[in-house]
All heavy atoms as atom14 arrays in JSON, in Angstrom:
{
  "sequence": "GEDLKRVMDLIYASPANFEFIDDDKLADLPNKVVGAVALQLNQKLREF",
  "atom14_mask": [
    [1, 1, 1, 1, 0, 0, 0, 0, 0, 0, 0, 0, 0, 0],
    [1, 1, 1, 1, 1, 1, 1, 1, 1, 0, 0, 0, 0, 0],
    [1, 1, 1, 1, 1, 1, 1, 1, 0, 0, 0, 0, 0, 0],
    [1, 1, 1, 1, 1, 1, 1, 1, 0, 0, 0, 0, 0, 0],
    [1, 1, 1, 1, 1, 1, 1, 1, 1, 0, 0, 0, 0, 0],
    [1, 1, 1, 1, 1, 1, 1, 1, 1, 1, 1, 0, 0, 0],
    [1, 1, 1, 1, 1, 1, 1, 0, 0, 0, 0, 0, 0, 0],
    [1, 1, 1, 1, 1, 1, 1, 1, 0, 0, 0, 0, 0, 0],
    [1, 1, 1, 1, 1, 1, 1, 1, 0, 0, 0, 0, 0, 0],
    [1, 1, 1, 1, 1, 1, 1, 1, 0, 0, 0, 0, 0, 0],
    [1, 1, 1, 1, 1, 1, 1, 1, 0, 0, 0, 0, 0, 0],
    [1, 1, 1, 1, 1, 1, 1, 1, 1, 1, 1, 1, 0, 0],
    [1, 1, 1, 1, 1, 0, 0, 0, 0, 0, 0, 0, 0, 0],
    [1, 1, 1, 1, 1, 1, 0, 0, 0, 0, 0, 0, 0, 0],
    [1, 1, 1, 1, 1, 1, 1, 0, 0, 0, 0, 0, 0, 0],
    [1, 1, 1, 1, 1, 0, 0, 0, 0, 0, 0, 0, 0, 0],
    [1, 1, 1, 1, 1, 1, 1, 1, 0, 0, 0, 0, 0, 0],
    [1, 1, 1, 1, 1, 1, 1, 1, 1, 1, 1, 0, 0, 0],
    [1, 1, 1, 1, 1, 1, 1, 1, 1, 0, 0, 0, 0, 0],
    [1, 1, 1, 1, 1, 1, 1, 1, 1, 1, 1, 0, 0, 0],
    [1, 1, 1, 1, 1, 1, 1, 1, 0, 0, 0, 0, 0, 0],
    [1, 1, 1, 1, 1, 1, 1, 1, 0, 0, 0, 0, 0, 0],
    [1, 1, 1, 1, 1, 1, 1, 1, 0, 0, 0, 0, 0, 0],
    [1, 1, 1, 1, 1, 1, 1, 1, 0, 0, 0, 0, 0, 0],
    [1, 1, 1, 1, 1, 1, 1, 1, 1, 0, 0, 0, 0, 0],
    [1, 1, 1, 1, 1, 1, 1, 1, 0, 0, 0, 0, 0, 0],
    [1, 1, 1, 1, 1, 0, 0, 0, 0, 0, 0, 0, 0, 0],
    [1, 1, 1, 1, 1, 1, 1, 1, 0, 0, 0, 0, 0, 0],
    [1, 1, 1, 1, 1, 1, 1, 1, 0, 0, 0, 0, 0, 0],
    [1, 1, 1, 1, 1, 1, 1, 0, 0, 0, 0, 0, 0, 0],
    [1, 1, 1, 1, 1, 1, 1, 1, 0, 0, 0, 0, 0, 0],
    [1, 1, 1, 1, 1, 1, 1, 1, 1, 0, 0, 0, 0, 0],
    [1, 1, 1, 1, 1, 1, 1, 0, 0, 0, 0, 0, 0, 0],
    [1, 1, 1, 1, 1, 1, 1, 0, 0, 0, 0, 0, 0, 0],
    [1, 1, 1, 1, 0, 0, 0, 0, 0, 0, 0, 0, 0, 0],
    [1, 1, 1, 1, 1, 0, 0, 0, 0, 0, 0, 0, 0, 0],
    [1, 1, 1, 1, 1, 1, 1, 0, 0, 0, 0, 0, 0, 0],
    [1, 1, 1, 1, 1, 0, 0, 0, 0, 0, 0, 0, 0, 0],
    [1, 1, 1, 1, 1, 1, 1, 1, 0, 0, 0, 0, 0, 0],
    [1, 1, 1, 1, 1, 1, 1, 1, 1, 0, 0, 0, 0, 0],
    [1, 1, 1, 1, 1, 1, 1, 1, 0, 0, 0, 0, 0, 0],
    [1, 1, 1, 1, 1, 1, 1, 1, 0, 0, 0, 0, 0, 0],
    [1, 1, 1, 1, 1, 1, 1, 1, 1, 0, 0, 0, 0, 0],
    [1, 1, 1, 1, 1, 1, 1, 1, 1, 0, 0, 0, 0, 0],
    [1, 1, 1, 1, 1, 1, 1, 1, 0, 0, 0, 0, 0, 0],
    [1, 1, 1, 1, 1, 1, 1, 1, 1, 1, 1, 0, 0, 0],
    [1, 1, 1, 1, 1, 1, 1, 1, 1, 0, 0, 0, 0, 0],
    [1, 1, 1, 1, 1, 1, 1, 1, 1, 1, 1, 0, 0, 0]
  ],
  "atom14_positions": [
    [[-11.74, -37.5, 4.64], [-12.44, -37.1, 5.93], [-12.66, -35.64, 5.93], [-13.6, -35.07, 6.36], [0.0, 0.0, 0.0], [0.0, 0.0, 0.0], [0.0, 0.0, 0.0], [0.0, 0.0, 0.0], [0.0, 0.0, 0.0], [0.0, 0.0, 0.0], [0.0, 0.0, 0.0], [0.0, 0.0, 0.0], [0.0, 0.0, 0.0], [0.0, 0.0, 0.0]],
    [[-11.67, -34.98, 5.34], [-11.68, -33.39, 5.31], [-12.93, -32.99, 4.45], [-13.69, -32.09, 4.6], [-10.47, -32.73, 4.78], [-10.28, -31.29, 4.76], [-10.5, -30.76, 6.23], [-10.01, -31.39, 7.15], [-11.04, -29.62, 6.39], [0.0, 0.0, 0.0], [0.0, 0.0, 0.0], [0.0, 0.0, 0.0], [0.0, 0.0, 0.0], [0.0, 0.0, 0.0]],
    [[-13.05, -33.73, 3.3], [-14.32, -33.53, 2.42], [-15.68, -33.74, 3.17], [-16.56, -32.94, 3.02], [-14.3, -34.47, 1.09], [-13.05, -34.29, 0.39], [-12.57, -33.1, 0.13], [-12.51, -35.22, -0.34], [0.0, 0.0, 0.0], [0.0, 0.0, 0.0], [0.0, 0.0, 0.0], [0.0, 0.0, 0.0], [0.0, 0.0, 0.0], [0.0, 0.0, 0.0]],
    [[-15.66, -34.82, 3.89], [-16.83, -35.13, 4.69], [-17.13, -33.97, 5.83], [-18.2, -33.54, 6.04], [-16.81, -36.48, 5.41], [-16.81, -37.6, 4.38], [-16.59, -38.89, 5.17], [-18.19, -37.54, 3.72], [0.0, 0.0, 0.0], [0.0, 0.0, 0.0], [0.0, 0.0, 0.0], [0.0, 0.0, 0.0], [0.0, 0.0, 0.0], [0.0, 0.0, 0.0]],
    [[-16.0, -33.48, 6.43], [-16.14, -32.45, 7.4], [-16.79, -31.28, 6.76], [-17.66, -30.61, 7.33], [-14.82, -32.17, 8.03], [-14.96, -31.11, 9.26], [-13.63, -30.76, 9.82], [-13.64, -29.67, 10.82], [-14.55, -28.5, 10.36], [0.0, 0.0, 0.0], [0.0, 0.0, 0.0], [0.0, 0.0, 0.0], [0.0, 0.0, 0.0], [0.0, 0.0, 0.0]],
    [[-16.18, -30.82, 5.62], [-16.78, -29.65, 4.96], [-18.19, -29.88, 4.63], [-19.02, -28.86, 4.81], [-15.95, -29.38, 3.73], [-14.63, -28.62, 3.88], [-14.07, -28.03, 2.55], [-13.77, -29.09, 1.54], [-12.77, -29.87, 1.4], [-11.84, -29.58, 2.22], [-12.72, -30.73, 0.42], [0.0, 0.0, 0.0], [0.0, 0.0, 0.0], [0.0, 0.0, 0.0]],
    [[-18.57, -30.89, 4.07], [-20.04, -31.23, 3.73], [-20.93, -31.1, 5.09], [-22.01, -30.56, 5.0], [-20.2, -32.6, 2.97], [-21.64, -33.01, 2.8], [-19.63, -32.48, 1.55], [0.0, 0.0, 0.0], [0.0, 0.0, 0.0], [0.0, 0.0, 0.0], [0.0, 0.0, 0.0], [0.0, 0.0, 0.0], [0.0, 0.0, 0.0], [0.0, 0.0, 0.0]],
    [[-20.41, -31.77, 6.06], [-21.21, -31.83, 7.3], [-21.32, -30.43, 7.84], [-22.38, -29.93, 8.34], [-20.58, -32.66, 8.45], [-20.63, -34.22, 8.06], [-19.82, -35.33, 9.11], [-20.91, -35.3, 10.51], [0.0, 0.0, 0.0], [0.0, 0.0, 0.0], [0.0, 0.0, 0.0], [0.0, 0.0, 0.0], [0.0, 0.0, 0.0], [0.0, 0.0, 0.0]],
    [[-20.35, -29.51, 7.66], [-20.42, -28.09, 8.2], [-21.44, -27.5, 7.33], [-22.27, -26.69, 7.88], [-19.05, -27.43, 7.87], [-18.06, -27.81, 9.04], [-18.44, -28.35, 10.03], [-16.94, -27.54, 8.89], [0.0, 0.0, 0.0], [0.0, 0.0, 0.0], [0.0, 0.0, 0.0], [0.0, 0.0, 0.0], [0.0, 0.0, 0.0], [0.0, 0.0, 0.0]],
    [[-21.49, -27.67, 5.99], [-22.56, -27.11, 5.14], [-23.9, -27.47, 5.4], [-24.84, -26.77, 5.36], [-22.12, -27.39, 3.6], [-20.83, -26.73, 3.19], [-20.54, -27.33, 1.71], [-21.11, -25.2, 3.03], [0.0, 0.0, 0.0], [0.0, 0.0, 0.0], [0.0, 0.0, 0.0], [0.0, 0.0, 0.0], [0.0, 0.0, 0.0], [0.0, 0.0, 0.0]],
    [[-24.04, -28.82, 5.74], [-25.4, -29.38, 6.04], [-25.86, -28.83, 7.37], [-26.92, -28.43, 7.55], [-25.31, -30.92, 6.05], [-25.1, -31.53, 4.65], [-26.5, -31.49, 6.64], [-24.84, -33.12, 4.61], [0.0, 0.0, 0.0], [0.0, 0.0, 0.0], [0.0, 0.0, 0.0], [0.0, 0.0, 0.0], [0.0, 0.0, 0.0], [0.0, 0.0, 0.0]],
    [[-24.91, -28.83, 8.32], [-25.33, -28.24, 9.59], [-25.81, -26.82, 9.57], [-26.76, -26.43, 10.11], [-24.08, -28.3, 10.54], [-24.28, -27.82, 12.01], [-24.94, -28.67, 12.91], [-23.81, -26.51, 12.37], [-25.07, -28.15, 14.16], [-24.05, -26.17, 13.66], [-24.76, -26.91, 14.62], [-25.0, -26.48, 15.87], [0.0, 0.0, 0.0], [0.0, 0.0, 0.0]],
    [[-25.11, -25.96, 8.7], [-25.46, -24.61, 8.56], [-26.83, -24.42, 7.84], [-27.56, -23.56, 8.19], [-24.39, -23.9, 7.84], [0.0, 0.0, 0.0], [0.0, 0.0, 0.0], [0.0, 0.0, 0.0], [0.0, 0.0, 0.0], [0.0, 0.0, 0.0], [0.0, 0.0, 0.0], [0.0, 0.0, 0.0], [0.0, 0.0, 0.0], [0.0, 0.0, 0.0]],
    [[-27.01, -25.24, 6.91], [-28.28, -25.07, 6.01], [-28.8, -26.53, 5.58], [-28.59, -26.89, 4.34], [-27.93, -24.21, 4.82], [-27.55, -22.92, 5.13], [0.0, 0.0, 0.0], [0.0, 0.0, 0.0], [0.0, 0.0, 0.0], [0.0, 0.0, 0.0], [0.0, 0.0, 0.0], [0.0, 0.0, 0.0], [0.0, 0.0, 0.0], [0.0, 0.0, 0.0]],
    [[-29.33, -27.16, 6.35], [-29.83, -28.58, 6.02], [-30.78, -28.68, 4.84], [-30.69, -29.52, 4.08], [-30.4, -29.12, 7.23], [-30.53, -28.1, 8.29], [-29.72, -26.99, 7.82], [0.0, 0.0, 0.0], [0.0, 0.0, 0.0], [0.0, 0.0, 0.0], [0.0, 0.0, 0.0], [0.0, 0.0, 0.0], [0.0, 0.0, 0.0], [0.0, 0.0, 0.0]],
    [[-31.57, -27.51, 4.67], [-32.6, -27.56, 3.65], [-31.86, -27.32, 2.21], [-32.57, -27.76, 1.29], [-33.57, -26.36, 3.82], [0.0, 0.0, 0.0], [0.0, 0.0, 0.0], [0.0, 0.0, 0.0], [0.0, 0.0, 0.0], [0.0, 0.0, 0.0], [0.0, 0.0, 0.0], [0.0, 0.0, 0.0], [0.0, 0.0, 0.0], [0.0, 0.0, 0.0]],
    [[-30.75, -26.97, 2.11], [-30.08, -26.78, 0.81], [-29.63, -28.03, 0.19], [-29.15, -28.11, -0.94], [-28.83, -25.93, 0.95], [-29.24, -24.39, 1.37], [-30.42, -24.12, 1.17], [-28.3, -23.73, 1.75], [0.0, 0.0, 0.0], [0.0, 0.0, 0.0], [0.0, 0.0, 0.0], [0.0, 0.0, 0.0], [0.0, 0.0, 0.0], [0.0, 0.0, 0.0]],
    [[-29.72, -29.26, 0.87], [-29.23, -30.51, 0.38], [-30.29, -31.51, 0.07], [-31.09, -31.74, 0.94], [-28.2, -31.09, 1.32], [-26.88, -30.28, 1.37], [-26.78, -29.19, 2.19], [-25.93, -30.53, 0.32], [-25.62, -28.42, 2.3], [-24.75, -29.68, 0.45], [-24.66, -28.65, 1.38], [0.0, 0.0, 0.0], [0.0, 0.0, 0.0], [0.0, 0.0, 0.0]],
    [[-30.24, -32.23, -0.97], [-31.23, -33.28, -1.31], [-30.21, -34.49, -1.51], [-29.13, -34.45, -1.85], [-31.85, -32.97, -2.73], [-32.65, -31.78, -2.77], [-33.22, -31.4, -4.21], [-33.17, -32.32, -4.98], [-33.5, -30.27, -4.3], [0.0, 0.0, 0.0], [0.0, 0.0, 0.0], [0.0, 0.0, 0.0], [0.0, 0.0, 0.0], [0.0, 0.0, 0.0]],
    [[-31.02, -35.67, -1.35], [-30.24, -36.9, -1.44], [-30.88, -37.75, -2.44], [-32.06, -37.73, -2.75], [-30.28, -37.62, -0.03], [-29.36, -36.89, 0.96], [-29.92, -35.82, 1.62], [-28.06, -37.26, 1.08], [-29.22, -35.09, 2.59], [-27.27, -36.6, 2.01], [-27.78, -35.48, 2.75], [0.0, 0.0, 0.0], [0.0, 0.0, 0.0], [0.0, 0.0, 0.0]],
    [[-30.06, -38.53, -3.23], [-30.48, -39.43, -4.25], [-31.1, -40.57, -3.58], [-30.8, -41.05, -2.46], [-29.15, -39.91, -5.0], [-29.73, -40.38, -6.36], [-28.32, -40.83, -4.32], [-28.53, -40.45, -7.43], [0.0, 0.0, 0.0], [0.0, 0.0, 0.0], [0.0, 0.0, 0.0], [0.0, 0.0, 0.0], [0.0, 0.0, 0.0], [0.0, 0.0, 0.0]],
    [[-32.03, -41.28, -4.2], [-32.66, -42.63, -3.71], [-31.64, -43.71, -3.56], [-30.89, -43.92, -4.47], [-33.65, -43.24, -4.65], [-34.93, -42.25, -4.74], [-35.16, -41.55, -3.71], [-35.72, -42.33, -5.7], [0.0, 0.0, 0.0], [0.0, 0.0, 0.0], [0.0, 0.0, 0.0], [0.0, 0.0, 0.0], [0.0, 0.0, 0.0], [0.0, 0.0, 0.0]],
    [[-31.77, -44.37, -2.39], [-30.78, -45.48, -2.06], [-30.93, -46.41, -3.08], [-29.89, -47.18, -3.3], [-31.09, -45.95, -0.63], [-30.63, -45.0, 0.49], [-29.86, -44.18, 0.22], [-31.11, -45.27, 1.6], [0.0, 0.0, 0.0], [0.0, 0.0, 0.0], [0.0, 0.0, 0.0], [0.0, 0.0, 0.0], [0.0, 0.0, 0.0], [0.0, 0.0, 0.0]],
    [[-32.09, -46.8, -3.6], [-32.25, -47.88, -4.62], [-31.35, -47.65, -5.84], [-30.93, -48.53, -6.35], [-33.7, -47.89, -5.14], [-34.59, -48.34, -3.76], [-34.07, -49.04, -2.89], [-35.84, -48.06, -3.93], [0.0, 0.0, 0.0], [0.0, 0.0, 0.0], [0.0, 0.0, 0.0], [0.0, 0.0, 0.0], [0.0, 0.0, 0.0], [0.0, 0.0, 0.0]],
    [[-31.33, -46.35, -6.26], [-30.48, -46.1, -7.41], [-29.14, -46.46, -7.21], [-28.41, -46.87, -8.14], [-30.75, -44.59, -7.83], [-32.02, -44.26, -8.42], [-32.15, -42.78, -8.83], [-33.57, -42.53, -9.41], [-33.58, -41.19, -9.77], [0.0, 0.0, 0.0], [0.0, 0.0, 0.0], [0.0, 0.0, 0.0], [0.0, 0.0, 0.0], [0.0, 0.0, 0.0]],
    [[-28.64, -46.07, -5.97], [-27.21, -46.4, -5.79], [-26.85, -47.85, -5.4], [-25.86, -48.43, -5.93], [-26.68, -45.57, -4.44], [-26.8, -44.1, -4.65], [-26.57, -43.44, -3.19], [-25.75, -43.55, -5.57], [0.0, 0.0, 0.0], [0.0, 0.0, 0.0], [0.0, 0.0, 0.0], [0.0, 0.0, 0.0], [0.0, 0.0, 0.0], [0.0, 0.0, 0.0]],
    [[-27.83, -48.56, -4.8], [-27.77, -49.98, -4.74], [-27.73, -50.87, -5.87], [-27.22, -51.88, -6.04], [-28.86, -50.49, -3.71], [0.0, 0.0, 0.0], [0.0, 0.0, 0.0], [0.0, 0.0, 0.0], [0.0, 0.0, 0.0], [0.0, 0.0, 0.0], [0.0, 0.0, 0.0], [0.0, 0.0, 0.0], [0.0, 0.0, 0.0], [0.0, 0.0, 0.0]],
    [[-28.5, -50.29, -6.9], [-28.51, -51.0, -8.15], [-27.51, -50.7, -9.32], [-27.5, -51.2, -10.42], [-29.95, -50.55, -8.85], [-31.01, -51.15, -8.08], [-30.87, -52.18, -7.28], [-32.24, -50.61, -8.32], [0.0, 0.0, 0.0], [0.0, 0.0, 0.0], [0.0, 0.0, 0.0], [0.0, 0.0, 0.0], [0.0, 0.0, 0.0], [0.0, 0.0, 0.0]],
    [[-26.57, -49.91, -8.91], [-25.38, -49.67, -9.84], [-24.58, -50.81, -10.13], [-24.43, -51.78, -9.31], [-24.46, -48.59, -9.19], [-25.02, -47.19, -9.1], [-23.94, -46.4, -8.39], [-25.15, -46.64, -10.38], [0.0, 0.0, 0.0], [0.0, 0.0, 0.0], [0.0, 0.0, 0.0], [0.0, 0.0, 0.0], [0.0, 0.0, 0.0], [0.0, 0.0, 0.0]],
    [[-24.2, -51.23, -11.34], [-23.38, -52.34, -11.85], [-22.14, -52.36, -11.0], [-21.77, -53.57, -10.66], [-23.2, -52.25, -13.24], [-24.14, -51.05, -13.64], [-24.47, -50.22, -12.53], [0.0, 0.0, 0.0], [0.0, 0.0, 0.0], [0.0, 0.0, 0.0], [0.0, 0.0, 0.0], [0.0, 0.0, 0.0], [0.0, 0.0, 0.0], [0.0, 0.0, 0.0]],
    [[-21.43, -51.26, -10.79], [-20.19, -51.33, -9.98], [-20.62, -51.24, -8.55], [-20.83, -50.28, -7.85], [-19.44, -50.03, -10.41], [-17.99, -50.19, -9.65], [-17.76, -50.75, -8.73], [-16.97, -49.53, -10.37], [0.0, 0.0, 0.0], [0.0, 0.0, 0.0], [0.0, 0.0, 0.0], [0.0, 0.0, 0.0], [0.0, 0.0, 0.0], [0.0, 0.0, 0.0]],
    [[-20.44, -52.43, -7.93], [-21.05, -52.7, -6.48], [-20.09, -51.86, -5.44], [-20.56, -51.58, -4.6], [-20.97, -54.2, -6.17], [-21.92, -54.98, -7.09], [-23.39, -54.33, -6.92], [-24.38, -55.15, -7.67], [-25.68, -54.41, -7.72], [0.0, 0.0, 0.0], [0.0, 0.0, 0.0], [0.0, 0.0, 0.0], [0.0, 0.0, 0.0], [0.0, 0.0, 0.0]],
    [[-18.79, -51.72, -5.8], [-17.99, -51.03, -4.89], [-18.41, -49.56, -4.81], [-18.5, -48.96, -3.69], [-16.42, -51.14, -5.26], [-15.63, -50.25, -4.5], [-16.0, -52.51, -5.12], [0.0, 0.0, 0.0], [0.0, 0.0, 0.0], [0.0, 0.0, 0.0], [0.0, 0.0, 0.0], [0.0, 0.0, 0.0], [0.0, 0.0, 0.0], [0.0, 0.0, 0.0]],
    [[-18.48, -48.96, -6.02], [-18.89, -47.49, -6.01], [-20.29, -47.43, -5.49], [-20.53, -46.44, -4.65], [-18.93, -47.04, -7.52], [-19.56, -45.7, -7.64], [-17.48, -46.92, -8.09], [0.0, 0.0, 0.0], [0.0, 0.0, 0.0], [0.0, 0.0, 0.0], [0.0, 0.0, 0.0], [0.0, 0.0, 0.0], [0.0, 0.0, 0.0], [0.0, 0.0, 0.0]],
    [[-21.16, -48.26, -5.82], [-22.53, -48.32, -5.24], [-22.57, -48.32, -3.64], [-23.27, -47.69, -3.08], [0.0, 0.0, 0.0], [0.0, 0.0, 0.0], [0.0, 0.0, 0.0], [0.0, 0.0, 0.0], [0.0, 0.0, 0.0], [0.0, 0.0, 0.0], [0.0, 0.0, 0.0], [0.0, 0.0, 0.0], [0.0, 0.0, 0.0], [0.0, 0.0, 0.0]],
    [[-21.8, -49.21, -3.04], [-21.71, -49.41, -1.71], [-21.08, -48.3, -1.03], [-21.69, -47.79, 0.02], [-20.94, -50.7, -1.36], [0.0, 0.0, 0.0], [0.0, 0.0, 0.0], [0.0, 0.0, 0.0], [0.0, 0.0, 0.0], [0.0, 0.0, 0.0], [0.0, 0.0, 0.0], [0.0, 0.0, 0.0], [0.0, 0.0, 0.0], [0.0, 0.0, 0.0]],
    [[-20.13, -47.72, -1.46], [-19.47, -46.5, -0.93], [-20.54, -45.36, -0.98], [-20.7, -44.64, 0.07], [-18.25, -46.13, -1.6], [-17.69, -44.73, -1.22], [-17.19, -47.24, -1.47], [0.0, 0.0, 0.0], [0.0, 0.0, 0.0], [0.0, 0.0, 0.0], [0.0, 0.0, 0.0], [0.0, 0.0, 0.0], [0.0, 0.0, 0.0], [0.0, 0.0, 0.0]],
    [[-20.97, -45.15, -2.19], [-21.96, -44.05, -2.3], [-23.25, -44.25, -1.47], [-23.7, -43.23, -0.8], [-22.42, -43.89, -3.75], [0.0, 0.0, 0.0], [0.0, 0.0, 0.0], [0.0, 0.0, 0.0], [0.0, 0.0, 0.0], [0.0, 0.0, 0.0], [0.0, 0.0, 0.0], [0.0, 0.0, 0.0], [0.0, 0.0, 0.0], [0.0, 0.0, 0.0]],
    [[-23.66, -45.42, -1.29], [-24.84, -45.74, -0.51], [-24.59, -45.27, 0.92], [-25.47, -44.75, 1.58], [-25.27, -47.19, -0.7], [-26.56, -47.63, 0.15], [-27.75, -46.9, -0.42], [-26.7, -49.18, -0.21], [0.0, 0.0, 0.0], [0.0, 0.0, 0.0], [0.0, 0.0, 0.0], [0.0, 0.0, 0.0], [0.0, 0.0, 0.0], [0.0, 0.0, 0.0]],
    [[-23.54, -45.86, 1.51], [-23.19, -45.6, 2.87], [-23.11, -44.1, 3.16], [-23.55, -43.62, 4.2], [-22.01, -46.37, 3.33], [-22.17, -47.79, 3.49], [-20.94, -48.59, 4.12], [-19.91, -48.02, 4.38], [-21.24, -49.83, 4.23], [0.0, 0.0, 0.0], [0.0, 0.0, 0.0], [0.0, 0.0, 0.0], [0.0, 0.0, 0.0], [0.0, 0.0, 0.0]],
    [[-22.34, -43.28, 2.28], [-22.25, -42.05, 2.42], [-23.57, -41.16, 2.41], [-23.88, -40.33, 3.17], [-21.23, -41.32, 1.25], [-19.78, -41.7, 1.5], [-19.12, -41.14, 0.31], [-19.16, -41.09, 2.71], [0.0, 0.0, 0.0], [0.0, 0.0, 0.0], [0.0, 0.0, 0.0], [0.0, 0.0, 0.0], [0.0, 0.0, 0.0], [0.0, 0.0, 0.0]],
    [[-24.33, -41.69, 1.4], [-25.76, -41.06, 1.2], [-26.55, -41.25, 2.56], [-27.17, -40.37, 3.03], [-26.31, -41.66, 0.03], [-27.62, -41.05, -0.48], [-27.58, -39.74, -0.88], [-28.7, -41.71, -0.57], [0.0, 0.0, 0.0], [0.0, 0.0, 0.0], [0.0, 0.0, 0.0], [0.0, 0.0, 0.0], [0.0, 0.0, 0.0], [0.0, 0.0, 0.0]],
    [[-26.57, -42.41, 3.01], [-27.35, -42.76, 4.2], [-26.89, -42.03, 5.51], [-27.67, -41.46, 6.19], [-27.34, -44.37, 4.53], [-28.03, -45.08, 3.37], [-27.93, -46.55, 3.64], [-26.94, -47.08, 4.36], [-28.88, -47.34, 3.18], [0.0, 0.0, 0.0], [0.0, 0.0, 0.0], [0.0, 0.0, 0.0], [0.0, 0.0, 0.0], [0.0, 0.0, 0.0]],
    [[-25.58, -42.02, 5.62], [-25.12, -41.43, 6.99], [-25.25, -39.91, 6.78], [-25.54, -39.24, 7.91], [-23.57, -41.78, 7.1], [-23.41, -43.22, 7.54], [-24.1, -43.71, 8.65], [-23.97, -45.1, 8.95], [-24.77, -45.5, 10.03], [0.0, 0.0, 0.0], [0.0, 0.0, 0.0], [0.0, 0.0, 0.0], [0.0, 0.0, 0.0], [0.0, 0.0, 0.0]],
    [[-24.97, -39.28, 5.69], [-25.16, -37.82, 5.64], [-26.64, -37.44, 5.68], [-26.89, -36.35, 6.09], [-24.43, -37.34, 4.29], [-22.97, -37.41, 4.35], [-22.33, -37.07, 3.0], [-22.5, -36.47, 5.48], [0.0, 0.0, 0.0], [0.0, 0.0, 0.0], [0.0, 0.0, 0.0], [0.0, 0.0, 0.0], [0.0, 0.0, 0.0], [0.0, 0.0, 0.0]],
    [[-27.56, -38.3, 5.03], [-28.88, -38.06, 5.18], [-29.41, -38.09, 6.7], [-30.11, -37.07, 7.19], [-29.8, -38.98, 4.4], [-31.32, -38.79, 4.51], [-32.19, -39.74, 3.92], [-31.92, -39.97, 2.52], [-31.45, -41.23, 2.12], [-31.32, -42.22, 2.96], [-31.26, -41.39, 0.76], [0.0, 0.0, 0.0], [0.0, 0.0, 0.0], [0.0, 0.0, 0.0]],
    [[-28.93, -39.05, 7.48], [-29.11, -39.17, 8.96], [-28.64, -37.87, 9.5], [-29.42, -37.3, 10.43], [-28.51, -40.23, 9.5], [-29.14, -41.56, 9.22], [-28.25, -42.71, 9.9], [-27.47, -42.52, 10.94], [-28.22, -43.81, 9.31], [0.0, 0.0, 0.0], [0.0, 0.0, 0.0], [0.0, 0.0, 0.0], [0.0, 0.0, 0.0], [0.0, 0.0, 0.0]],
    [[-27.47, -37.41, 9.31], [-26.99, -36.17, 9.78], [-27.71, -35.01, 9.52], [-28.06, -34.16, 10.37], [-25.49, -35.93, 9.42], [-24.91, -34.71, 9.96], [-24.57, -34.67, 11.33], [-24.7, -33.47, 9.13], [-23.92, -33.57, 11.83], [-24.11, -32.36, 9.78], [-23.77, -32.51, 11.05], [0.0, 0.0, 0.0], [0.0, 0.0, 0.0], [0.0, 0.0, 0.0]]
  ]
}
């Protein structure tokens, strides 16, 4: 949670400094657990 707070603070301060990976690339990972975690983080932080 502390890692996410730091990232959200950075995004809030300078949103243009961050790029996000395509959701399709994360959803297609063979390790479904890693893909699901990364996909959810990617989507929520992109929304933020």
